[in-house]
Amino acid sequence: MNDNLVDETVKRYIREYDRYKKLADIVFNISQNIVQKNLTIRATVQHRAKSPTSLAEKLKKSSKYKSVDGVFEGISDLAGVRIITYQEADRPKVVDEIQQIFVGRDNEKIRIEVKDKNGNNGKYYKATHCQVALPSEYLIDNFNLKNTTCEIQVCSLLSHVYNEIEHDLQYKPRSGSLSMDEKLLIDQLGLITKSGDITIRRLLEATNERLKMHKGEFVDVHDFTVRMGELLKVGEPFSINAGLLYDEFINLKLDSPEIIIATLLDKDENLTDVAHSEYERITNYIASKNINIRIDKNSSDLLLLVLLRKKVLTLLKDHPVIAENDRSPRLFRIAQIYKDMLSEK
């Protein structure tokens, strides 16, 4: 790309930089909720708007773009978010959530690109790239972001390490081409990521087994999901939608299994029996009213229903009536539905 066109493009990008930064910030916050509240998995989230300097360097190396508009149409990561999961197995779960929450340009389907090299041509880059736009409910106060897209990259922790090192050395060599030793060592690092993923999975499984033996107050949300998932016979899927529920339990000082049982159950009641009984009640009510929400009995929803049986008014006290299509957390929408069900009895 010639220098004049690069300069013209970068000047326009500087004028629009704040818009891309705002988009990256919003997508980052939603992504944080995906991993911390919706899935409750171990993961970190990073975000940025591409710097003007980085954009200029990229354009100078490219002959692909013939116009300023072509750059803005063609470069996918002017706003970027990266979700880094501890486990490779959590990557598709995150991508599924992204598809549930975001839309593509012009409300089309999100563009998904799985970039798994698996050792082909000595490459081990593994990530899923999702090109997303904000759905309409997020555009009320951000109308200038309509049809502006953000790239979300989803990869495992070890893949992230490999991706960063391989990309930095392969595509940004300080001088000359990579030596044979460098290529061999990058290849070895790629192989290590595959065995390392197995080690991390086994380590987290061992951690969960230890947590099951823990007594007393919850240490953190992961302790909460392991122990309550065990008590409700749900297991690992209990982590679904557990993040915000954990916050509410802590706010209510229901901070251990023992206190939860003593507070939310009557004498001789069984936690699992009560949970399934409440599940039948509310799912029948939802079906009778054609309400657009799904209660998942293989998730933390079971414990939420046990909580609502005793504490629904307390939970809703500081929250207004919730509309079906607003951005209120799902937990409070379910609480409002539960309250409406009780009012009809």
Protein backbone atom coordinates (compact mmCIF):
# COMPACT_ATOMS: atom_id res chain seq x y z
CA MET A 1 0.00 0.00 0.00
CA ASN A 2 1.53 3.34 -0.95
CA ASP A 3 2.50 5.85 1.73
CA ASN A 4 -0.16 8.44 0.80
CA LEU A 5 -2.97 5.90 1.10
CA VAL A 6 -1.56 4.62 4.39
CA ASP A 7 -1.46 8.17 5.78
CA GLU A 8 -5.00 8.89 4.61
CA THR A 9 -6.28 5.66 6.16
CA VAL A 10 -4.53 6.21 9.48
CA LYS A 11 -5.84 9.79 9.72
CA ARG A 12 -9.39 8.51 9.28
CA TYR A 13 -8.78 5.77 11.84
CA ILE A 14 -7.51 8.30 14.38
CA ARG A 15 -10.76 10.25 13.92
CA GLU A 16 -12.78 7.06 14.51
CA TYR A 17 -10.52 5.47 17.13
CA ASP A 18 -12.79 6.30 20.07
CA ARG A 19 -15.66 4.48 18.37
CA TYR A 20 -13.64 1.29 17.98
CA LYS A 21 -12.36 1.59 21.54
CA LYS A 22 -15.93 1.94 22.84
CA LEU A 23 -16.96 -1.15 20.88
CA ALA A 24 -14.03 -3.15 22.26
CA ASP A 25 -14.93 -2.03 25.80
CA ILE A 26 -18.57 -3.13 25.43
CA VAL A 27 -17.70 -6.48 23.85
CA PHE A 28 -15.10 -7.01 26.59
CA ASN A 29 -17.71 -6.48 29.33
CA ILE A 30 -20.13 -8.88 27.66
CA SER A 31 -17.33 -11.43 27.24
CA GLN A 32 -16.44 -11.11 30.92
CA ASN A 33 -20.04 -11.97 31.76
CA ILE A 34 -19.93 -14.96 29.43
CA VAL A 35 -17.01 -16.59 31.23
CA GLN A 36 -17.64 -15.33 34.78
CA LYS A 37 -21.45 -15.40 35.05
CA ASN A 38 -22.95 -17.50 32.25
CA LEU A 39 -20.45 -20.35 32.01
CA THR A 40 -18.48 -19.79 35.23
CA ILE A 41 -15.30 -21.22 33.77
CA ARG A 42 -11.69 -20.40 34.44
CA ALA A 43 -10.67 -17.91 31.77
CA THR A 44 -9.24 -14.45 31.22
CA VAL A 45 -10.40 -11.77 28.79
CA GLN A 46 -8.27 -9.14 27.03
CA HIS A 47 -9.33 -6.31 24.74
CA ARG A 48 -8.00 -3.41 22.75
CA ALA A 49 -8.59 -1.15 19.79
CA LYS A 50 -5.74 -1.50 17.30
CA SER A 51 -3.26 1.32 17.72
CA PRO A 52 -2.79 3.70 14.78
CA THR A 53 0.91 2.77 14.71
CA SER A 54 0.11 -0.94 14.46
CA LEU A 55 -2.41 -0.27 11.70
CA ALA A 56 0.14 1.75 9.74
CA GLU A 57 2.75 -1.02 10.04
CA LYS A 58 0.27 -3.61 8.84
CA LEU A 59 -0.81 -1.53 5.85
CA LYS A 60 2.76 -0.82 4.72
CA LYS A 61 3.36 -4.58 4.44
CA SER A 62 0.15 -5.21 2.48
CA SER A 63 -0.77 -4.86 -1.17
CA LYS A 64 -4.28 -6.18 -0.55
CA TYR A 65 -6.09 -2.89 0.01
CA LYS A 66 -6.70 -0.39 -2.78
CA SER A 67 -8.72 2.26 -0.94
CA VAL A 68 -9.43 3.67 2.52
CA ASP A 69 -12.91 2.17 2.50
CA GLY A 70 -11.38 -1.17 1.50
CA VAL A 71 -9.24 -1.13 4.64
CA PHE A 72 -12.18 -0.47 6.94
CA GLU A 73 -14.22 -3.16 5.20
CA GLY A 74 -11.41 -5.69 5.12
CA ILE A 75 -9.54 -5.48 8.43
CA SER A 76 -11.46 -7.48 11.00
CA ASP A 77 -9.65 -6.60 14.22
CA LEU A 78 -9.69 -2.81 14.52
CA ALA A 79 -11.65 -3.66 17.68
CA GLY A 80 -10.52 -6.92 19.22
CA VAL A 81 -11.28 -9.11 22.22
CA ARG A 82 -9.50 -12.31 23.19
CA ILE A 83 -11.06 -14.90 25.51
CA ILE A 84 -8.43 -17.27 26.90
CA THR A 85 -9.83 -20.40 28.53
CA TYR A 86 -7.77 -22.57 30.86
CA GLN A 87 -9.08 -25.68 29.12
CA GLU A 88 -9.27 -26.35 25.40
CA ALA A 89 -12.60 -28.15 26.03
CA ASP A 90 -14.18 -24.83 27.08
CA ARG A 91 -13.52 -23.13 23.74
CA PRO A 92 -16.67 -24.44 21.97
CA LYS A 93 -18.79 -23.56 25.02
CA VAL A 94 -17.63 -19.95 24.78
CA VAL A 95 -18.26 -19.83 21.03
CA ASP A 96 -21.80 -21.16 21.57
CA GLU A 97 -22.48 -18.37 24.08
CA ILE A 98 -21.08 -15.76 21.69
CA GLN A 99 -23.50 -16.98 19.03
CA GLN A 100 -26.40 -16.71 21.49
CA ILE A 101 -25.61 -13.12 22.51
CA PHE A 102 -24.15 -11.31 19.49
CA VAL A 103 -25.22 -10.85 15.87
CA GLY A 104 -23.29 -10.41 12.66
CA ARG A 105 -23.24 -7.38 10.39
CA ASP A 106 -26.76 -6.39 9.24
CA ASN A 107 -28.19 -8.85 11.81
CA GLU A 108 -26.88 -11.77 9.76
CA LYS A 109 -25.28 -14.82 11.34
CA ILE A 110 -21.94 -14.29 13.05
CA ARG A 111 -18.96 -15.15 10.88
CA ILE A 112 -17.11 -17.99 12.60
CA GLU A 113 -13.67 -19.16 11.50
CA VAL A 114 -12.00 -22.12 13.22
CA LYS A 115 -8.25 -21.82 12.75
CA ASP A 116 -6.94 -25.16 13.98
CA LYS A 117 -3.67 -26.12 12.28
CA ASN A 118 -3.03 -29.35 14.27
CA GLY A 119 0.57 -29.55 13.11
CA ASN A 120 -0.13 -28.97 9.42
CA ASN A 121 3.03 -27.53 7.82
CA GLY A 122 4.55 -27.21 11.27
CA LYS A 123 1.76 -24.93 12.52
CA TYR A 124 -0.14 -25.45 15.77
CA TYR A 125 -2.18 -22.26 15.89
CA LYS A 126 -5.55 -23.12 17.45
CA ALA A 127 -8.28 -20.56 17.94
CA THR A 128 -11.80 -19.68 16.87
CA HIS A 129 -12.36 -16.21 15.44
CA CYS A 130 -15.85 -14.71 15.71
CA GLN A 131 -16.74 -11.51 13.86
CA VAL A 132 -19.53 -9.93 15.90
CA ALA A 133 -21.73 -6.85 15.97
CA LEU A 134 -23.86 -5.59 18.84
CA PRO A 135 -27.54 -6.64 18.94
CA SER A 136 -30.18 -3.92 18.92
CA GLU A 137 -30.62 -3.68 22.70
CA TYR A 138 -26.98 -2.56 23.04
CA LEU A 139 -27.36 0.12 20.36
CA ILE A 140 -29.90 2.29 22.19
CA ASP A 141 -27.10 4.39 23.72
CA ASN A 142 -24.49 3.43 21.12
CA PHE A 143 -26.19 3.94 17.78
CA ASN A 144 -22.93 4.95 16.09
CA LEU A 145 -21.71 1.37 16.60
CA LYS A 146 -24.40 -0.17 14.40
CA ASN A 147 -22.83 -2.64 11.94
CA THR A 148 -19.35 -1.94 13.27
CA THR A 149 -17.80 -5.32 14.04
CA CYS A 150 -15.36 -6.61 16.61
CA GLU A 151 -13.24 -9.72 16.31
CA ILE A 152 -13.42 -12.09 19.29
CA GLN A 153 -10.63 -14.65 19.37
CA VAL A 154 -11.24 -17.69 21.59
CA CYS A 155 -8.35 -19.99 22.47
CA SER A 156 -6.96 -22.03 25.34
CA LEU A 157 -4.29 -20.70 27.69
CA LEU A 158 -1.50 -22.84 26.25
CA SER A 159 -2.57 -22.16 22.68
CA HIS A 160 -2.44 -18.45 23.51
CA VAL A 161 1.17 -18.78 24.67
CA TYR A 162 2.11 -20.66 21.49
CA ASN A 163 0.15 -18.27 19.28
CA GLU A 164 1.83 -15.20 20.74
CA ILE A 165 5.37 -16.57 20.57
CA GLU A 166 4.98 -18.12 17.12
CA HIS A 167 3.35 -15.00 15.66
CA ASP A 168 5.89 -12.63 17.21
CA LEU A 169 8.89 -14.60 15.97
CA GLN A 170 7.50 -15.78 12.66
CA TYR A 171 5.87 -12.59 11.44
CA LYS A 172 7.91 -9.96 13.26
CA PRO A 173 11.52 -11.20 13.04
CA ARG A 174 13.95 -8.54 14.21
CA SER A 175 16.44 -9.38 11.45
CA GLY A 176 16.42 -11.99 8.72
CA SER A 177 14.49 -15.26 8.58
CA LEU A 178 14.08 -17.78 11.38
CA SER A 179 16.89 -20.29 11.82
CA MET A 180 16.32 -24.05 11.68
CA ASP A 181 16.78 -24.24 15.47
CA GLU A 182 14.12 -21.58 16.01
CA LYS A 183 11.68 -23.43 13.76
CA LEU A 184 12.33 -26.74 15.55
CA LEU A 185 11.83 -25.17 18.97
CA ILE A 186 8.58 -23.48 17.88
CA ASP A 187 7.45 -26.88 16.61
CA GLN A 188 8.31 -28.47 19.97
CA LEU A 189 6.36 -25.75 21.76
CA GLY A 190 3.34 -26.57 19.60
CA LEU A 191 3.56 -30.24 20.58
CA ILE A 192 3.85 -29.30 24.26
CA THR A 193 0.57 -27.38 24.08
CA LYS A 194 -1.27 -30.60 23.15
CA SER A 195 0.08 -32.57 26.12
CA GLY A 196 -0.23 -29.52 28.36
CA ASP A 197 -3.98 -29.26 27.68
CA ILE A 198 -4.39 -32.80 29.02
CA THR A 199 -2.34 -31.94 32.10
CA ILE A 200 -4.42 -28.84 32.83
CA ARG A 201 -7.66 -30.81 32.47
CA ARG A 202 -6.43 -33.47 34.90
CA LEU A 203 -5.19 -30.81 37.31
CA LEU A 204 -8.58 -29.08 37.38
CA GLU A 205 -10.34 -32.42 37.82
CA ALA A 206 -8.07 -33.17 40.80
CA THR A 207 -8.78 -29.69 42.20
CA ASN A 208 -12.52 -30.32 41.93
CA GLU A 209 -12.20 -33.63 43.76
CA ARG A 210 -10.38 -31.81 46.58
CA LEU A 211 -13.05 -29.11 46.72
CA LYS A 212 -15.78 -31.72 47.10
CA MET A 213 -14.23 -32.63 50.47
CA HIS A 214 -14.17 -29.04 51.68
CA LYS A 215 -16.49 -27.95 54.49
CA GLY A 216 -17.72 -24.56 55.65
CA GLU A 217 -17.72 -21.25 53.74
CA PHE A 218 -17.24 -21.17 50.00
CA VAL A 219 -13.74 -20.11 48.99
CA ASP A 220 -14.82 -18.74 45.59
CA VAL A 221 -17.34 -19.28 42.81
CA HIS A 222 -15.58 -22.44 41.61
CA ASP A 223 -15.81 -23.96 45.08
CA PHE A 224 -19.50 -23.04 45.06
CA THR A 225 -20.14 -24.72 41.69
CA VAL A 226 -18.30 -27.92 42.62
CA ARG A 227 -19.90 -28.47 46.03
CA MET A 228 -23.43 -27.39 45.17
CA GLY A 229 -23.27 -29.28 41.88
CA GLU A 230 -22.37 -32.39 43.84
CA LEU A 231 -25.18 -31.89 46.37
CA LEU A 232 -27.76 -31.42 43.62
CA LYS A 233 -26.36 -34.35 41.61
CA VAL A 234 -25.77 -32.10 38.60
CA GLY A 235 -21.99 -32.23 38.53
CA GLU A 236 -19.92 -30.02 36.22
CA PRO A 237 -22.90 -28.52 34.28
CA PHE A 238 -23.94 -26.78 37.53
CA SER A 239 -21.47 -24.04 36.55
CA ILE A 240 -23.88 -22.83 33.82
CA ASN A 241 -25.37 -19.47 34.92
CA ALA A 242 -23.77 -19.90 38.35
CA GLY A 243 -21.68 -16.71 38.56
CA LEU A 244 -24.41 -14.19 39.36
CA LEU A 245 -26.22 -16.74 41.51
CA TYR A 246 -23.09 -17.13 43.62
CA ASP A 247 -22.94 -13.33 44.11
CA GLU A 248 -26.56 -13.33 45.33
CA PHE A 249 -25.94 -16.18 47.76
CA ILE A 250 -22.94 -14.37 49.22
CA ASN A 251 -24.93 -11.11 49.48
CA LEU A 252 -27.62 -13.03 51.38
CA LYS A 253 -24.94 -14.55 53.64
CA LEU A 254 -25.82 -18.02 52.40
CA ASP A 255 -22.13 -18.77 52.16
CA SER A 256 -21.88 -22.51 52.82
CA PRO A 257 -23.85 -25.65 51.93
CA GLU A 258 -24.76 -26.09 55.57
CA ILE A 259 -26.25 -22.59 55.87
CA ILE A 260 -28.05 -22.95 52.53
CA ILE A 261 -29.74 -26.16 53.63
CA ALA A 262 -30.61 -24.82 57.09
CA THR A 263 -32.08 -21.60 55.66
CA LEU A 264 -33.85 -22.73 52.50
CA LEU A 265 -35.21 -26.15 53.48
CA ASP A 266 -37.85 -27.06 56.01
CA LYS A 267 -37.44 -29.96 58.40
CA ASP A 268 -37.06 -33.35 56.67
CA GLU A 269 -36.93 -31.80 53.20
CA ASN A 270 -34.35 -32.96 50.66
CA LEU A 271 -32.50 -30.40 48.55
CA THR A 272 -32.75 -32.36 45.29
CA ASP A 273 -36.44 -33.18 45.79
CA VAL A 274 -37.33 -29.55 46.46
CA ALA A 275 -35.31 -28.37 43.47
CA HIS A 276 -37.01 -30.78 41.06
CA SER A 277 -40.44 -30.01 42.48
CA GLU A 278 -39.89 -26.27 41.92
CA TYR A 279 -38.57 -27.00 38.45
CA GLU A 280 -41.81 -28.78 37.52
CA ARG A 281 -43.90 -25.91 38.90
CA ILE A 282 -42.16 -23.12 37.04
CA THR A 283 -41.68 -24.97 33.75
CA ASN A 284 -45.40 -25.79 33.68
CA TYR A 285 -46.19 -22.12 34.35
CA ILE A 286 -43.78 -20.92 31.64
CA ALA A 287 -45.34 -23.32 29.13
CA SER A 288 -48.88 -22.20 30.02
CA LYS A 289 -47.95 -18.53 29.49
CA ASN A 290 -45.75 -19.05 26.41
CA ILE A 291 -42.91 -17.18 28.10
CA ASN A 292 -39.70 -17.03 26.08
CA ILE A 293 -37.21 -18.41 28.59
CA ARG A 294 -35.83 -21.85 29.30
CA ILE A 295 -35.06 -23.24 32.74
CA ASP A 296 -32.25 -25.80 32.60
CA LYS A 297 -32.51 -28.60 35.17
CA ASN A 298 -28.92 -29.61 34.41
CA SER A 299 -27.48 -26.34 35.68
CA SER A 300 -27.44 -23.97 38.64
CA ASP A 301 -31.06 -23.08 37.77
CA LEU A 302 -32.10 -25.84 40.19
CA LEU A 303 -30.51 -24.05 43.12
CA LEU A 304 -31.92 -20.70 41.96
CA LEU A 305 -35.43 -22.17 42.21
CA VAL A 306 -34.78 -23.39 45.74
CA LEU A 307 -33.64 -19.87 46.61
CA LEU A 308 -36.70 -18.25 45.01
CA ARG A 309 -39.06 -20.43 47.01
CA LYS A 310 -37.98 -18.61 50.19
CA LYS A 311 -36.32 -15.40 49.01
CA VAL A 312 -37.96 -14.20 45.79
CA LEU A 313 -39.23 -10.94 47.34
CA THR A 314 -35.88 -10.25 48.93
CA LEU A 315 -34.13 -10.86 45.61
CA LEU A 316 -36.42 -8.50 43.70
CA LYS A 317 -36.59 -5.80 46.36
CA ASP A 318 -33.93 -3.62 44.73
CA HIS A 319 -34.83 -4.49 41.15
CA PRO A 320 -37.67 -3.00 39.08
CA VAL A 321 -40.19 -5.06 37.14
CA ILE A 322 -38.25 -6.70 34.35
CA ALA A 323 -39.27 -6.62 30.68
CA GLU A 324 -38.87 -9.77 28.64
CA ASN A 325 -36.52 -8.29 26.05
CA ASP A 326 -34.37 -5.95 28.11
CA ARG A 327 -30.77 -6.51 29.22
CA SER A 328 -31.57 -7.39 32.83
CA PRO A 329 -29.65 -10.42 34.05
CA ARG A 330 -31.41 -13.69 33.35
CA LEU A 331 -31.53 -14.51 37.07
CA PHE A 332 -33.80 -11.54 37.80
CA ARG A 333 -36.03 -12.26 34.84
CA ILE A 334 -36.59 -15.76 36.25
CA ALA A 335 -37.21 -14.29 39.70
CA GLN A 336 -39.88 -11.97 38.27
CA ILE A 337 -41.55 -14.90 36.49
CA TYR A 338 -41.51 -16.89 39.72
CA LYS A 339 -43.12 -13.99 41.60
CA ASP A 340 -45.80 -13.66 38.90
CA MET A 341 -46.49 -17.40 39.23
CA LEU A 342 -47.01 -17.06 42.97
CA SER A 343 -49.32 -14.07 42.54
CA GLU A 344 -51.69 -16.19 40.44
CA LYS A 345 -52.08 -18.87 43.09
